[in-house]
N, C-alpha and C. Protein backbone atom coordinates (compact mmCIF):
# COMPACT_ATOMS: atom_id res chain seq x y z
N MET A 1 36.62 -13.24 17.72
CA MET A 1 35.27 -13.85 17.15
C MET A 1 35.53 -15.13 16.41
N ASP A 2 35.01 -16.26 16.57
CA ASP A 2 35.25 -17.34 15.66
C ASP A 2 34.29 -17.36 14.58
N ARG A 3 34.37 -18.28 13.55
CA ARG A 3 33.45 -18.50 12.59
C ARG A 3 32.06 -18.63 12.86
N GLU A 4 31.80 -19.58 13.76
CA GLU A 4 30.43 -19.88 14.27
C GLU A 4 29.78 -18.57 14.96
N ASP A 5 30.53 -17.87 15.81
CA ASP A 5 29.79 -16.70 16.38
C ASP A 5 29.43 -15.67 15.14
N ASP A 6 30.33 -15.60 14.22
CA ASP A 6 30.23 -14.54 13.15
C ASP A 6 28.93 -15.05 12.36
N THR A 7 28.83 -16.27 11.92
CA THR A 7 27.56 -16.76 11.44
C THR A 7 26.31 -16.46 12.04
N ILE A 8 26.32 -16.84 13.38
CA ILE A 8 25.18 -16.56 14.31
C ILE A 8 24.83 -14.93 14.21
N MET A 9 25.63 -14.33 14.28
CA MET A 9 25.50 -12.87 14.08
C MET A 9 24.86 -12.23 12.97
N GLN A 10 25.52 -12.85 11.72
CA GLN A 10 25.03 -12.49 10.52
C GLN A 10 23.40 -13.07 10.23
N SER A 11 23.24 -14.19 10.92
CA SER A 11 21.83 -14.71 10.68
C SER A 11 20.94 -14.04 11.44
N SER A 12 21.32 -13.68 12.58
CA SER A 12 20.51 -12.67 13.52
C SER A 12 20.18 -11.27 12.85
N ALA A 13 21.13 -10.80 12.22
CA ALA A 13 21.00 -9.46 11.55
C ALA A 13 20.01 -9.75 10.32
N LEU A 14 20.19 -10.87 9.72
CA LEU A 14 19.41 -11.20 8.50
C LEU A 14 17.87 -11.17 8.94
N ILE A 15 17.75 -12.08 9.99
CA ILE A 15 16.23 -12.18 10.51
C ILE A 15 15.79 -11.15 10.95
N ARG A 16 16.52 -10.28 11.69
CA ARG A 16 15.95 -8.87 12.06
C ARG A 16 15.58 -8.08 10.81
N GLN A 17 16.46 -8.00 9.80
CA GLN A 17 16.19 -7.17 8.69
C GLN A 17 14.89 -7.68 7.82
N LEU A 18 14.74 -8.88 7.79
CA LEU A 18 13.61 -9.45 6.97
C LEU A 18 12.32 -9.39 7.99
N SER A 19 12.42 -9.31 9.20
CA SER A 19 11.25 -9.28 9.96
C SER A 19 10.75 -7.80 10.46
N GLU A 20 11.67 -6.96 10.30
CA GLU A 20 11.49 -5.55 10.65
C GLU A 20 10.52 -4.82 9.89
N GLN A 21 9.49 -4.34 10.35
CA GLN A 21 8.53 -3.76 9.53
C GLN A 21 9.09 -2.11 9.18
N PRO A 22 8.87 -1.79 8.03
CA PRO A 22 9.31 -0.45 7.49
C PRO A 22 8.80 0.77 8.25
N ARG A 23 9.13 1.83 8.16
CA ARG A 23 8.40 2.88 8.65
C ARG A 23 7.56 3.84 7.65
N VAL A 24 6.54 4.36 7.96
CA VAL A 24 5.97 5.17 7.11
C VAL A 24 6.59 6.14 6.54
N ARG A 25 7.55 6.95 7.31
CA ARG A 25 8.54 7.98 6.92
C ARG A 25 9.53 7.45 5.90
N ASP A 26 9.74 6.35 5.83
CA ASP A 26 10.71 5.78 4.93
C ASP A 26 10.09 5.50 3.50
N LEU A 27 8.76 5.60 3.32
CA LEU A 27 8.14 5.57 2.09
C LEU A 27 8.14 6.78 1.20
N SER A 28 7.83 6.55 -0.16
CA SER A 28 7.78 7.60 -0.99
C SER A 28 6.44 8.38 -0.65
N VAL A 29 6.44 9.61 -1.06
CA VAL A 29 5.33 10.40 -0.54
C VAL A 29 3.93 9.76 -0.89
N GLU A 30 4.11 9.46 -2.24
CA GLU A 30 2.75 8.77 -2.89
C GLU A 30 2.34 7.49 -2.03
N ALA A 31 3.35 6.71 -1.67
CA ALA A 31 3.10 5.40 -1.00
C ALA A 31 2.62 5.54 0.48
N ALA A 32 3.24 6.56 1.07
CA ALA A 32 2.91 6.93 2.42
C ALA A 32 1.59 7.48 2.55
N GLN A 33 1.12 8.35 1.67
CA GLN A 33 -0.23 8.80 1.52
C GLN A 33 -1.30 7.82 1.46
N ALA A 34 -0.93 6.91 0.45
CA ALA A 34 -1.91 5.95 0.23
C ALA A 34 -1.94 4.91 1.28
N VAL A 35 -1.16 4.58 2.08
CA VAL A 35 -1.11 3.77 3.36
C VAL A 35 -1.88 4.42 4.57
N LEU A 36 -1.59 5.71 4.69
CA LEU A 36 -2.36 6.59 5.61
C LEU A 36 -3.68 6.75 5.35
N ALA A 37 -3.92 6.94 3.94
CA ALA A 37 -5.52 7.03 3.62
C ALA A 37 -6.19 5.81 3.66
N LEU A 38 -5.60 4.73 3.39
CA LEU A 38 -6.01 3.28 3.71
C LEU A 38 -6.54 3.21 5.22
N ARG A 39 -5.42 3.49 6.12
CA ARG A 39 -5.85 3.38 7.44
C ARG A 39 -7.17 4.26 7.86
N TYR A 40 -7.18 5.43 7.30
CA TYR A 40 -8.30 6.35 7.48
C TYR A 40 -9.54 5.69 6.96
N CYS A 41 -9.43 5.33 5.82
CA CYS A 41 -10.78 4.55 5.18
C CYS A 41 -11.20 3.30 6.11
N ILE A 42 -10.31 2.57 6.75
CA ILE A 42 -10.64 1.59 7.51
C ILE A 42 -11.51 2.22 8.67
N LEU A 43 -10.94 3.19 9.40
CA LEU A 43 -11.30 3.85 10.56
C LEU A 43 -12.84 4.30 10.20
N CYS A 44 -12.99 4.96 9.12
CA CYS A 44 -14.38 5.33 8.66
C CYS A 44 -15.31 4.44 8.40
N ARG A 45 -14.82 3.31 7.76
CA ARG A 45 -15.81 2.08 7.69
C ARG A 45 -16.20 1.52 9.21
N ARG A 46 -15.31 1.32 9.95
CA ARG A 46 -15.78 0.79 11.35
C ARG A 46 -16.66 1.65 12.00
N SER A 47 -16.61 3.02 11.79
CA SER A 47 -17.44 4.09 12.36
C SER A 47 -18.63 4.65 11.65
N GLU A 48 -18.78 3.88 10.42
CA GLU A 48 -19.77 4.18 9.63
C GLU A 48 -19.79 5.61 9.04
N ARG A 49 -18.64 6.21 8.88
CA ARG A 49 -18.62 7.49 8.09
C ARG A 49 -17.82 7.43 6.91
N ASP A 50 -18.29 8.36 6.05
CA ASP A 50 -17.59 8.51 4.88
C ASP A 50 -16.12 9.08 4.70
N PRO A 51 -15.31 8.45 4.06
CA PRO A 51 -13.87 9.04 4.05
C PRO A 51 -13.65 10.14 3.04
N ILE A 52 -14.51 10.15 2.09
CA ILE A 52 -14.27 11.16 1.07
C ILE A 52 -14.15 12.59 1.43
N PRO A 53 -14.72 13.09 2.33
CA PRO A 53 -14.44 14.59 2.61
C PRO A 53 -12.82 14.61 2.97
N GLU A 54 -12.32 13.75 3.91
CA GLU A 54 -10.91 13.92 4.27
C GLU A 54 -10.02 13.50 3.16
N LEU A 55 -10.41 12.63 2.50
CA LEU A 55 -9.44 12.22 1.24
C LEU A 55 -9.67 13.38 0.33
N GLU A 56 -10.56 13.91 0.15
CA GLU A 56 -10.69 15.22 -0.89
C GLU A 56 -9.81 16.08 -0.23
N ARG A 57 -9.69 16.58 0.92
CA ARG A 57 -9.02 17.62 1.56
C ARG A 57 -7.52 17.01 1.48
N ARG A 58 -7.03 15.84 1.76
CA ARG A 58 -5.80 15.30 1.59
C ARG A 58 -5.26 15.64 0.20
N TRP A 59 -5.88 15.25 -0.82
CA TRP A 59 -5.55 15.48 -2.26
C TRP A 59 -6.00 16.59 -2.93
N GLY A 60 -6.83 17.40 -2.29
CA GLY A 60 -7.38 18.65 -2.92
C GLY A 60 -8.04 18.40 -4.15
N ASN A 61 -8.59 16.99 -4.22
CA ASN A 61 -9.34 16.74 -5.61
C ASN A 61 -10.43 15.59 -5.21
N ILE A 62 -11.69 15.98 -5.45
CA ILE A 62 -12.69 15.01 -5.33
C ILE A 62 -12.44 13.74 -6.10
N LEU A 63 -12.17 13.95 -7.28
CA LEU A 63 -11.84 12.84 -8.20
C LEU A 63 -10.88 11.57 -7.68
N ALA A 64 -9.81 12.38 -7.31
CA ALA A 64 -8.96 11.30 -6.50
C ALA A 64 -9.33 10.59 -5.29
N ALA A 65 -10.24 11.35 -4.53
CA ALA A 65 -10.82 10.84 -3.29
C ALA A 65 -11.61 9.56 -3.65
N ARG A 66 -12.43 10.04 -4.63
CA ARG A 66 -13.50 8.93 -5.12
C ARG A 66 -12.76 7.73 -5.83
N ARG A 67 -11.73 7.87 -6.51
CA ARG A 67 -10.82 6.89 -7.19
C ARG A 67 -10.20 6.05 -6.13
N TYR A 68 -9.59 6.79 -4.99
CA TYR A 68 -9.00 5.93 -4.05
C TYR A 68 -9.78 5.15 -3.33
N ARG A 69 -11.09 5.50 -2.89
CA ARG A 69 -12.04 4.57 -2.41
C ARG A 69 -12.32 3.49 -3.37
N LEU A 70 -12.26 3.72 -4.52
CA LEU A 70 -12.39 2.24 -5.52
C LEU A 70 -11.15 1.60 -5.37
N VAL A 71 -10.02 1.92 -5.17
CA VAL A 71 -8.83 1.00 -5.00
C VAL A 71 -9.05 0.22 -3.76
N VAL A 72 -9.46 0.90 -2.63
CA VAL A 72 -9.82 0.36 -1.08
C VAL A 72 -10.78 -0.84 -1.46
N GLU A 73 -11.87 -0.53 -2.26
CA GLU A 73 -13.05 -1.48 -2.52
C GLU A 73 -12.45 -2.62 -3.47
N ALA A 74 -11.58 -2.39 -4.46
CA ALA A 74 -11.15 -3.41 -5.14
C ALA A 74 -10.31 -4.40 -4.41
N ILE A 75 -9.32 -3.78 -3.38
CA ILE A 75 -8.53 -4.55 -2.61
C ILE A 75 -9.32 -5.41 -1.74
N GLY A 76 -10.26 -4.83 -1.07
CA GLY A 76 -11.31 -5.69 -0.26
C GLY A 76 -11.93 -6.78 -1.06
N HIS A 77 -12.17 -6.57 -2.23
CA HIS A 77 -13.07 -7.55 -3.10
C HIS A 77 -12.13 -8.61 -3.30
N VAL A 78 -10.83 -8.47 -3.74
CA VAL A 78 -10.06 -9.60 -4.25
C VAL A 78 -9.08 -10.05 -3.33
N TRP A 79 -8.64 -9.58 -2.22
CA TRP A 79 -7.49 -9.85 -1.51
C TRP A 79 -8.06 -11.18 -0.85
N PRO A 80 -7.07 -12.17 -0.89
CA PRO A 80 -7.30 -13.54 -0.52
C PRO A 80 -7.60 -13.62 1.05
N ASP A 81 -6.83 -12.88 1.78
CA ASP A 81 -6.97 -12.81 3.28
C ASP A 81 -7.38 -11.55 3.80
N PRO A 82 -7.74 -11.35 4.99
CA PRO A 82 -8.01 -9.98 5.62
C PRO A 82 -6.69 -9.07 5.47
N PHE A 83 -6.83 -8.01 5.06
CA PHE A 83 -5.80 -6.97 4.77
C PHE A 83 -5.55 -6.49 6.18
N VAL A 84 -4.20 -6.51 6.54
CA VAL A 84 -3.76 -6.15 7.79
C VAL A 84 -3.07 -4.88 7.67
N VAL A 85 -3.87 -3.91 8.57
CA VAL A 85 -3.55 -2.45 8.63
C VAL A 85 -3.26 -2.16 10.11
N ALA A 86 -2.19 -1.39 10.11
CA ALA A 86 -1.59 -0.96 11.57
C ALA A 86 -2.42 0.12 11.90
N PRO A 87 -2.27 0.39 13.30
CA PRO A 87 -3.15 1.67 13.81
C PRO A 87 -2.81 2.99 13.29
N PRO A 88 -3.77 3.94 13.28
CA PRO A 88 -3.16 5.00 12.59
C PRO A 88 -2.11 5.81 13.08
N CYS A 89 -1.88 5.57 14.36
CA CYS A 89 -0.55 6.37 14.93
C CYS A 89 0.49 5.54 14.73
N CYS A 90 0.62 4.30 14.23
CA CYS A 90 1.81 3.34 14.38
C CYS A 90 2.77 3.97 13.27
N PRO A 91 4.03 4.22 13.63
CA PRO A 91 5.05 4.79 12.58
C PRO A 91 5.43 3.57 11.88
N ARG A 92 5.29 2.28 12.19
CA ARG A 92 5.68 1.28 11.28
C ARG A 92 4.44 0.74 10.45
N ILE A 93 4.84 0.04 9.21
CA ILE A 93 3.73 -0.36 8.34
C ILE A 93 3.69 -1.91 8.45
N SER A 94 2.38 -2.51 8.30
CA SER A 94 2.20 -3.86 8.49
C SER A 94 2.82 -4.45 6.88
N PHE A 95 2.85 -5.76 6.71
CA PHE A 95 3.37 -6.43 5.58
C PHE A 95 2.42 -6.01 4.65
N ASP A 96 1.17 -6.12 4.83
CA ASP A 96 0.13 -5.85 3.73
C ASP A 96 0.29 -4.27 3.14
N GLU A 97 0.39 -3.48 4.29
CA GLU A 97 0.76 -1.95 3.77
C GLU A 97 1.83 -1.77 3.13
N ALA A 98 2.94 -2.71 3.37
CA ALA A 98 4.34 -2.35 2.67
C ALA A 98 4.04 -2.94 1.15
N LEU A 99 3.18 -3.94 0.84
CA LEU A 99 2.95 -4.38 -0.35
C LEU A 99 2.04 -3.29 -0.99
N LEU A 100 1.02 -2.84 -0.34
CA LEU A 100 0.32 -1.70 -1.02
C LEU A 100 1.26 -0.49 -1.39
N ALA A 101 2.22 -0.32 -0.62
CA ALA A 101 3.10 1.01 -0.95
C ALA A 101 3.86 0.40 -2.22
N ALA A 102 4.39 -0.82 -2.38
CA ALA A 102 5.13 -1.12 -3.50
C ALA A 102 4.19 -1.28 -4.69
N MET A 103 3.01 -1.41 -4.54
CA MET A 103 1.94 -1.53 -5.60
C MET A 103 1.74 -0.20 -6.17
N VAL A 104 1.68 0.77 -5.18
CA VAL A 104 1.30 2.11 -5.65
C VAL A 104 2.54 2.70 -6.37
N SER A 105 3.88 2.43 -5.84
CA SER A 105 4.92 2.81 -6.60
C SER A 105 5.01 2.37 -8.01
N ALA A 106 4.78 1.03 -8.09
CA ALA A 106 4.73 0.49 -9.43
C ALA A 106 3.77 1.07 -10.23
N ALA A 107 2.51 1.25 -9.86
CA ALA A 107 1.70 1.85 -10.57
C ALA A 107 2.00 3.23 -11.18
N ALA A 108 2.43 4.00 -10.29
CA ALA A 108 2.80 5.41 -10.35
C ALA A 108 4.18 5.49 -11.45
N GLN A 109 4.77 4.39 -11.48
CA GLN A 109 5.86 4.34 -12.45
C GLN A 109 5.37 3.63 -13.86
N ARG A 110 4.02 3.26 -13.87
CA ARG A 110 3.53 2.58 -15.00
C ARG A 110 4.48 1.32 -15.16
N ASP A 111 4.73 0.44 -14.20
CA ASP A 111 5.66 -0.49 -14.26
C ASP A 111 4.74 -1.88 -14.02
N ARG A 112 3.90 -2.23 -15.08
CA ARG A 112 3.13 -3.54 -14.88
C ARG A 112 3.73 -4.63 -14.51
N PRO A 113 5.01 -4.98 -15.04
CA PRO A 113 5.79 -6.36 -14.84
C PRO A 113 6.18 -6.26 -13.38
N GLN A 114 6.48 -5.10 -12.70
CA GLN A 114 6.99 -5.05 -11.20
C GLN A 114 5.79 -5.25 -10.38
N PHE A 115 4.48 -4.64 -10.94
CA PHE A 115 3.29 -4.93 -10.05
C PHE A 115 2.81 -6.43 -9.94
N ASP A 116 3.07 -7.09 -11.30
CA ASP A 116 2.67 -8.48 -11.30
C ASP A 116 3.58 -9.21 -10.42
N LEU A 117 4.73 -8.84 -10.59
CA LEU A 117 5.77 -9.69 -9.89
C LEU A 117 5.61 -9.70 -8.42
N LEU A 118 4.98 -8.47 -7.77
CA LEU A 118 4.74 -8.28 -6.57
C LEU A 118 3.45 -9.05 -6.07
N THR A 119 2.29 -9.16 -7.03
CA THR A 119 1.17 -9.72 -6.54
C THR A 119 0.62 -11.15 -7.20
N ALA A 120 1.62 -11.63 -8.26
CA ALA A 120 1.20 -12.86 -8.78
C ALA A 120 0.89 -13.95 -8.12
N GLU A 121 1.80 -14.23 -7.03
CA GLU A 121 1.57 -15.40 -6.06
C GLU A 121 0.30 -15.44 -5.24
N MET A 122 -0.22 -14.10 -5.16
CA MET A 122 -1.62 -14.27 -4.28
C MET A 122 -2.60 -13.72 -5.08
N LEU A 123 -2.56 -13.05 -6.25
CA LEU A 123 -3.86 -12.54 -6.88
C LEU A 123 -3.74 -13.24 -8.33
N GLY A 124 -5.01 -13.70 -8.90
CA GLY A 124 -5.02 -13.96 -10.23
C GLY A 124 -4.90 -12.76 -11.17
N GLY A 125 -4.95 -13.13 -12.49
CA GLY A 125 -4.83 -12.15 -13.69
C GLY A 125 -5.88 -11.11 -13.46
N ASP A 126 -7.30 -11.63 -13.39
CA ASP A 126 -8.26 -10.55 -13.28
C ASP A 126 -8.08 -9.61 -12.19
N ALA A 127 -7.77 -10.10 -10.87
CA ALA A 127 -7.75 -9.29 -9.71
C ALA A 127 -6.64 -8.39 -9.87
N ARG A 128 -5.49 -8.83 -10.43
CA ARG A 128 -4.35 -8.04 -10.62
C ARG A 128 -4.69 -6.78 -11.69
N GLU A 129 -5.30 -7.24 -12.56
CA GLU A 129 -5.87 -6.19 -13.59
C GLU A 129 -6.77 -4.84 -13.01
N MET A 130 -7.63 -5.59 -12.25
CA MET A 130 -8.55 -4.61 -11.60
C MET A 130 -7.74 -3.75 -10.57
N ILE A 131 -6.99 -4.17 -9.74
CA ILE A 131 -6.48 -3.33 -8.79
C ILE A 131 -5.35 -2.51 -9.56
N PHE A 132 -4.65 -2.89 -10.56
CA PHE A 132 -3.68 -2.09 -11.29
C PHE A 132 -4.34 -0.90 -12.00
N ALA A 133 -5.38 -1.28 -12.53
CA ALA A 133 -6.36 -0.04 -13.27
C ALA A 133 -6.81 0.71 -12.22
N ALA A 134 -7.32 0.19 -11.14
CA ALA A 134 -7.91 1.24 -10.03
C ALA A 134 -6.68 2.02 -9.66
N LEU A 135 -5.45 1.75 -9.39
CA LEU A 135 -4.51 2.49 -8.89
C LEU A 135 -3.91 3.47 -9.99
N GLU A 136 -3.96 3.00 -11.33
CA GLU A 136 -3.65 4.05 -12.22
C GLU A 136 -4.59 5.15 -12.38
N ASN A 137 -5.85 4.77 -12.34
CA ASN A 137 -6.93 5.70 -12.26
C ASN A 137 -6.83 6.76 -11.25
N PHE A 138 -6.55 6.09 -10.16
CA PHE A 138 -6.15 7.08 -8.89
C PHE A 138 -5.13 7.99 -9.22
N ILE A 139 -3.87 7.35 -9.48
CA ILE A 139 -2.82 8.38 -9.65
C ILE A 139 -2.97 9.43 -10.69
N ARG A 140 -3.58 8.99 -11.94
CA ARG A 140 -3.84 9.96 -12.92
C ARG A 140 -4.79 11.21 -12.31
N ALA A 141 -5.85 10.84 -11.58
CA ALA A 141 -6.79 11.83 -10.86
C ALA A 141 -5.87 12.68 -9.85
N GLN A 142 -5.07 12.06 -9.10
CA GLN A 142 -4.43 12.72 -8.00
C GLN A 142 -3.45 13.81 -8.73
N LYS A 143 -2.87 13.40 -9.85
CA LYS A 143 -1.79 14.15 -10.45
C LYS A 143 -2.13 14.26 -12.00
N PRO A 144 -3.09 15.25 -12.20
CA PRO A 144 -3.70 15.22 -13.79
C PRO A 144 -2.48 15.37 -14.85
N GLU A 145 -1.40 16.21 -14.30
CA GLU A 145 -0.30 16.32 -15.37
C GLU A 145 0.40 15.12 -15.89
N ARG A 146 0.03 14.14 -15.11
CA ARG A 146 0.74 12.61 -15.46
C ARG A 146 0.06 12.04 -16.77
N ILE A 147 -1.25 12.51 -17.01
CA ILE A 147 -1.94 11.89 -18.26
C ILE A 147 -1.37 11.86 -19.51
């Protein structure tokens, strides 16, 4: 194989790696649950159903369910473009869902600098503050021992 072929193969591999959507199963448990719960919330909104009973069942905690709904509302309020959500049965996550997963992970680790790094290009300071606070409140409600 010559140098040009090697460069083309490396470029193809890089493009595939950058454009391939991650799988739900590759996320942390917290991030995967947040992504799947978001998909459920979207379905409920479209069918005019309340997502709270299922979210409460998912986390065993009505406060976590309510606070997650606030996360979804905050994202819906400040996100600059329509938030792209994959279908419920899809094993791969959208790029927006991947960002949500990373945001959840940053908030769970109380890593505000990482959260800001992830979101600074698309959200202003007030929007980042609102979503980070909503995520922190959700995580505290989901796992009270973290307080």
